Amino acid sequence: MNQVVSVNPTPRQFAESLVACLAPLMDELYEVFMAQLAADLYVFQIPGDESGAAGFMETWIRTLRE
């Protein structure tokens, strides 16, 4: 991380470098999630919750914050 900061002195340049480093990981994560969704359309839903995937994400984000 120190090398990235020393090479990229501005916050914008640092953010661009960080995005470039994380892009492959995010692409792989997307592929995993899409495969899970293809296998089970209800994988990202809470049983009994009619709000569907949106409700799942709201609950997930709220849990992370807590």
Protein backbone atom coordinates (compact mmCIF):
# COMPACT_ATOMS: atom_id res chain seq x y z
CA MET A 1 0.00 0.00 0.00
CA ASN A 2 2.86 2.39 0.77
CA GLN A 3 4.14 2.00 -2.77
CA VAL A 4 0.75 2.95 -4.20
CA VAL A 5 0.58 6.06 -2.02
CA SER A 6 4.11 7.11 -2.93
CA VAL A 7 3.48 6.61 -6.66
CA ASN A 8 0.03 8.23 -6.64
CA PRO A 9 0.14 11.40 -4.58
CA THR A 10 -3.40 12.66 -5.20
CA PRO A 11 -6.56 11.07 -3.75
CA ARG A 12 -8.01 10.71 -7.25
CA GLN A 13 -4.95 8.85 -8.55
CA PHE A 14 -4.97 6.63 -5.47
CA ALA A 15 -8.66 5.83 -5.99
CA GLU A 16 -8.08 5.01 -9.66
CA SER A 17 -5.23 2.65 -8.72
CA LEU A 18 -7.37 1.00 -6.06
CA VAL A 19 -10.18 0.43 -8.55
CA ALA A 20 -7.72 -1.10 -11.01
CA CYS A 21 -6.47 -3.48 -8.32
CA LEU A 22 -9.97 -4.49 -7.16
CA ALA A 23 -11.55 -4.86 -10.61
CA PRO A 24 -10.47 -8.49 -11.18
CA LEU A 25 -11.70 -9.50 -7.73
CA MET A 26 -15.06 -7.78 -8.25
CA ASP A 27 -15.43 -9.42 -11.67
CA GLU A 28 -14.87 -12.85 -10.13
CA LEU A 29 -17.29 -12.11 -7.30
CA TYR A 30 -19.91 -11.04 -9.85
CA GLU A 31 -19.46 -14.32 -11.72
CA VAL A 32 -19.89 -16.34 -8.51
CA PHE A 33 -23.05 -14.45 -7.57
CA MET A 34 -24.51 -14.84 -11.05
CA ALA A 35 -23.84 -18.59 -11.00
CA GLN A 36 -25.56 -18.88 -7.62
CA LEU A 37 -28.51 -16.86 -8.89
CA ALA A 38 -28.77 -19.05 -12.01
CA ALA A 39 -28.82 -22.16 -9.83
CA ASP A 40 -31.44 -20.81 -7.42
CA LEU A 41 -33.50 -17.71 -8.22
CA TYR A 42 -34.39 -17.35 -4.55
CA VAL A 43 -30.84 -17.54 -3.14
CA PHE A 44 -30.81 -13.81 -2.36
CA GLN A 45 -34.19 -13.72 -0.64
CA ILE A 46 -35.09 -14.14 3.00
CA PRO A 47 -37.69 -16.89 3.45
CA GLY A 48 -41.10 -15.38 4.13
CA ASP A 49 -40.00 -11.85 3.16
CA GLU A 50 -42.01 -10.61 0.19
CA SER A 51 -39.57 -7.78 -0.62
CA GLY A 52 -37.33 -10.19 -2.54
CA ALA A 53 -33.71 -9.44 -3.36
CA ALA A 54 -34.13 -5.77 -2.42
CA GLY A 55 -35.18 -6.77 1.10
CA PHE A 56 -32.25 -9.18 1.30
CA MET A 57 -29.82 -6.38 0.41
CA GLU A 58 -31.43 -3.94 2.87
CA THR A 59 -31.14 -6.52 5.66
CA TRP A 60 -27.56 -7.35 4.67
CA ILE A 61 -26.45 -3.71 4.63
CA ARG A 62 -28.22 -2.98 7.92
CA THR A 63 -26.50 -6.00 9.50
CA LEU A 64 -23.11 -4.82 8.28
CA ARG A 65 -23.70 -1.38 9.79
CA GLU A 66 -24.72 -2.85 13.14
